[in-house]
Amino acid sequence: MRLIQRETFNGLLVPFSGSLLGNTKRNFSMMNLALKERVEQAN
C-alpha cells in the first residue's frame, strides 16, 4: 500500500507563513505515522 500526500500553498502571504507551514508539515507527518500504525495493527 502506498500513500501519496501533497499540499500546495500559493498566494501573496505564503512567503510570510513560515512557522504556520512548518506546523502544517509536522502535523501531516504525525497524521501519517498514526495512519501507518493503524494500518499495521489491522493486518
PDB file of N, CA and C in Angstrom:
ATOM      1  N   MET A   1       0.856  -1.172   0.000  1.00  0.00           N
ATOM      2  CA  MET A   1       0.000   0.000   0.000  1.00  0.00           C
ATOM      3  C   MET A   1       0.904   1.237   0.000  1.00  0.00           C
ATOM      4  N   ARG A   2       0.477   2.248  -0.717  1.00  0.00           N
ATOM      5  CA  ARG A   2       1.252   3.477  -0.795  1.00  0.00           C
ATOM      6  C   ARG A   2       0.318   4.663  -0.606  1.00  0.00           C
ATOM      7  N   LEU A   3       0.743   5.589   0.206  1.00  0.00           N
ATOM      8  CA  LEU A   3       0.017   6.832   0.429  1.00  0.00           C
ATOM      9  C   LEU A   3       0.841   7.961  -0.153  1.00  0.00           C
ATOM     10  N   ILE A   4       0.218   8.734  -1.008  1.00  0.00           N
ATOM     11  CA  ILE A   4       0.869   9.926  -1.545  1.00  0.00           C
ATOM     12  C   ILE A   4       0.064  11.119  -1.056  1.00  0.00           C
ATOM     13  N   GLN A   5       0.743  11.989  -0.346  1.00  0.00           N
ATOM     14  CA  GLN A   5       0.080  13.154   0.232  1.00  0.00           C
ATOM     15  C   GLN A   5       0.782  14.399  -0.276  1.00  0.00           C
ATOM     16  N   ARG A   6      -0.019  15.370  -0.687  1.00  0.00           N
ATOM     17  CA  ARG A   6       0.567  16.592  -1.225  1.00  0.00           C
ATOM     18  C   ARG A   6      -0.339  17.760  -0.853  1.00  0.00           C
ATOM     19  N   GLU A   7       0.271  18.861  -0.563  1.00  0.00           N
ATOM     20  CA  GLU A   7      -0.459  20.092  -0.274  1.00  0.00           C
ATOM     21  C   GLU A   7       0.276  21.206  -0.994  1.00  0.00           C
ATOM     22  N   THR A   8      -0.443  22.038  -1.692  1.00  0.00           N
ATOM     23  CA  THR A   8       0.152  23.160  -2.404  1.00  0.00           C
ATOM     24  C   THR A   8      -0.388  24.457  -1.823  1.00  0.00           C
ATOM     25  N   PHE A   9       0.508  25.293  -1.384  1.00  0.00           N
ATOM     26  CA  PHE A   9       0.136  26.597  -0.844  1.00  0.00           C
ATOM     27  C   PHE A   9       0.583  27.652  -1.841  1.00  0.00           C
ATOM     28  N   ASN A  10      -0.313  28.581  -2.134  1.00  0.00           N
ATOM     29  CA  ASN A  10       0.066  29.665  -3.024  1.00  0.00           C
ATOM     30  C   ASN A  10      -0.669  30.927  -2.607  1.00  0.00           C
ATOM     31  N   GLY A  11      -0.178  32.016  -3.053  1.00  0.00           N
ATOM     32  CA  GLY A  11      -0.781  33.299  -2.721  1.00  0.00           C
ATOM     33  C   GLY A  11       0.257  34.281  -2.220  1.00  0.00           C
ATOM     34  N   LEU A  12      -0.180  35.474  -2.001  1.00  0.00           N
ATOM     35  CA  LEU A  12       0.732  36.553  -1.610  1.00  0.00           C
ATOM     36  C   LEU A  12       1.314  36.376  -0.216  1.00  0.00           C
ATOM     37  N   LEU A  13       0.589  35.718   0.690  1.00  0.00           N
ATOM     38  CA  LEU A  13       1.048  35.619   2.070  1.00  0.00           C
ATOM     39  C   LEU A  13       1.914  34.395   2.351  1.00  0.00           C
ATOM     40  N   VAL A  14       2.058  33.514   1.397  1.00  0.00           N
ATOM     41  CA  VAL A  14       2.837  32.289   1.612  1.00  0.00           C
ATOM     42  C   VAL A  14       4.269  32.591   2.068  1.00  0.00           C
ATOM     43  N   PRO A  15       4.963  33.551   1.477  1.00  0.00           N
ATOM     44  CA  PRO A  15       6.338  33.818   1.937  1.00  0.00           C
ATOM     45  C   PRO A  15       6.415  34.255   3.405  1.00  0.00           C
ATOM     46  N   PHE A  16       5.324  34.717   3.961  1.00  0.00           N
ATOM     47  CA  PHE A  16       5.311  35.200   5.340  1.00  0.00           C
ATOM     48  C   PHE A  16       4.721  34.180   6.312  1.00  0.00           C
ATOM     49  N   SER A  17       4.467  32.984   5.840  1.00  0.00           N
ATOM     50  CA  SER A  17       3.786  31.958   6.639  1.00  0.00           C
ATOM     51  C   SER A  17       4.723  30.832   7.058  1.00  0.00           C
ATOM     52  N   GLY A  18       5.980  31.115   7.241  1.00  0.00           N
ATOM     53  CA  GLY A  18       6.978  30.091   7.528  1.00  0.00           C
ATOM     54  C   GLY A  18       6.627  29.184   8.692  1.00  0.00           C
ATOM     55  N   SER A  19       6.324  29.746   9.866  1.00  0.00           N
ATOM     56  CA  SER A  19       6.056  28.895  11.032  1.00  0.00           C
ATOM     57  C   SER A  19       4.744  28.139  10.876  1.00  0.00           C
ATOM     58  N   LEU A  20       3.771  28.752  10.264  1.00  0.00           N
ATOM     59  CA  LEU A  20       2.483  28.070  10.038  1.00  0.00           C
ATOM     60  C   LEU A  20       2.678  26.872   9.117  1.00  0.00           C
ATOM     61  N   LEU A  21       3.450  27.042   8.059  1.00  0.00           N
ATOM     62  CA  LEU A  21       3.694  25.942   7.132  1.00  0.00           C
ATOM     63  C   LEU A  21       4.532  24.848   7.781  1.00  0.00           C
ATOM     64  N   GLY A  22       5.458  25.232   8.658  1.00  0.00           N
ATOM     65  CA  GLY A  22       6.247  24.242   9.391  1.00  0.00           C
ATOM     66  C   GLY A  22       5.367  23.401  10.287  1.00  0.00           C
ATOM     67  N   ASN A  23       4.416  24.029  10.972  1.00  0.00           N
ATOM     68  CA  ASN A  23       3.477  23.303  11.822  1.00  0.00           C
ATOM     69  C   ASN A  23       2.605  22.372  10.992  1.00  0.00           C
ATOM     70  N   THR A  24       2.198  22.827   9.830  1.00  0.00           N
ATOM     71  CA  THR A  24       1.366  22.001   8.951  1.00  0.00           C
ATOM     72  C   THR A  24       2.131  20.762   8.521  1.00  0.00           C
ATOM     73  N   LYS A  25       3.392  20.918   8.156  1.00  0.00           N
ATOM     74  CA  LYS A  25       4.217  19.777   7.748  1.00  0.00           C
ATOM     75  C   LYS A  25       4.368  18.794   8.902  1.00  0.00           C
ATOM     76  N   ARG A  26       4.616  19.301  10.094  1.00  0.00           N
ATOM     77  CA  ARG A  26       4.760  18.439  11.274  1.00  0.00           C
ATOM     78  C   ARG A  26       3.467  17.690  11.559  1.00  0.00           C
ATOM     79  N   ASN A  27       2.343  18.369  11.458  1.00  0.00           N
ATOM     80  CA  ASN A  27       1.053  17.722  11.712  1.00  0.00           C
ATOM     81  C   ASN A  27       0.735  16.662  10.658  1.00  0.00           C
ATOM     82  N   PHE A  28       1.085  16.908   9.408  1.00  0.00           N
ATOM     83  CA  PHE A  28       0.902  15.887   8.374  1.00  0.00           C
ATOM     84  C   PHE A  28       1.756  14.660   8.685  1.00  0.00           C
ATOM     85  N   SER A  29       2.985  14.882   9.112  1.00  0.00           N
ATOM     86  CA  SER A  29       3.868  13.762   9.448  1.00  0.00           C
ATOM     87  C   SER A  29       3.301  12.951  10.600  1.00  0.00           C
ATOM     88  N   MET A  30       2.773  13.624  11.614  1.00  0.00           N
ATOM     89  CA  MET A  30       2.174  12.922  12.748  1.00  0.00           C
ATOM     90  C   MET A  30       0.941  12.128  12.313  1.00  0.00           C
ATOM     91  N   MET A  31       0.127  12.708  11.448  1.00  0.00           N
ATOM     92  CA  MET A  31      -1.051  12.015  10.941  1.00  0.00           C
ATOM     93  C   MET A  31      -0.646  10.783  10.131  1.00  0.00           C
ATOM     94  N   ASN A  32       0.380  10.914   9.307  1.00  0.00           N
ATOM     95  CA  ASN A  32       0.839   9.785   8.503  1.00  0.00           C
ATOM     96  C   ASN A  32       1.366   8.661   9.381  1.00  0.00           C
ATOM     97  N   LEU A  33       2.081   8.995  10.440  1.00  0.00           N
ATOM     98  CA  LEU A  33       2.592   7.984  11.351  1.00  0.00           C
ATOM     99  C   LEU A  33       1.439   7.262  12.050  1.00  0.00           C
ATOM    100  N   ALA A  34       0.442   7.999  12.501  1.00  0.00           N
ATOM    101  CA  ALA A  34      -0.719   7.388  13.149  1.00  0.00           C
ATOM    102  C   ALA A  34      -1.471   6.483  12.174  1.00  0.00           C
ATOM    103  N   LEU A  35      -1.604   6.905  10.941  1.00  0.00           N
ATOM    104  CA  LEU A  35      -2.268   6.082   9.931  1.00  0.00           C
ATOM    105  C   LEU A  35      -1.475   4.807   9.667  1.00  0.00           C
ATOM    106  N   LYS A  36      -0.148   4.922   9.575  1.00  0.00           N
ATOM    107  CA  LYS A  36       0.716   3.754   9.365  1.00  0.00           C
ATOM    108  C   LYS A  36       0.533   2.750  10.495  1.00  0.00           C
ATOM    109  N   GLU A  37       0.540   3.236  11.731  1.00  0.00           N
ATOM    110  CA  GLU A  37       0.374   2.349  12.880  1.00  0.00           C
ATOM    111  C   GLU A  37      -0.987   1.661  12.853  1.00  0.00           C
ATOM    112  N   ARG A  38      -2.016   2.389  12.512  1.00  0.00           N
ATOM    113  CA  ARG A  38      -3.358   1.815  12.464  1.00  0.00           C
ATOM    114  C   ARG A  38      -3.461   0.733  11.378  1.00  0.00           C
ATOM    115  N   VAL A  39      -2.881   0.995  10.222  1.00  0.00           N
ATOM    116  CA  VAL A  39      -2.925   0.022   9.126  1.00  0.00           C
ATOM    117  C   VAL A  39      -2.152  -1.237   9.511  1.00  0.00           C
ATOM    118  N   GLU A  40      -0.993  -1.058  10.134  1.00  0.00           N
ATOM    119  CA  GLU A  40      -0.191  -2.205  10.527  1.00  0.00           C
ATOM    120  C   GLU A  40      -0.884  -3.038  11.613  1.00  0.00           C
ATOM    121  N   GLN A  41      -1.631  -2.420  12.494  1.00  0.00           N
ATOM    122  CA  GLN A  41      -2.359  -3.152  13.527  1.00  0.00           C
ATOM    123  C   GLN A  41      -3.518  -3.943  12.928  1.00  0.00           C
ATOM    124  N   ALA A  42      -4.074  -3.459  11.848  1.00  0.00           N
ATOM    125  CA  ALA A  42      -5.229  -4.118  11.224  1.00  0.00           C
ATOM    126  C   ALA A  42      -4.807  -5.406  10.518  1.00  0.00           C
ATOM    127  N   ASN A  43      -3.542  -5.533  10.170  1.00  0.00           N
ATOM    128  CA  ASN A  43      -3.068  -6.720   9.444  1.00  0.00           C
ATOM    129  C   ASN A  43      -2.680  -7.817  10.368  1.00  0.00           C
TER     130      ASN A  43
END
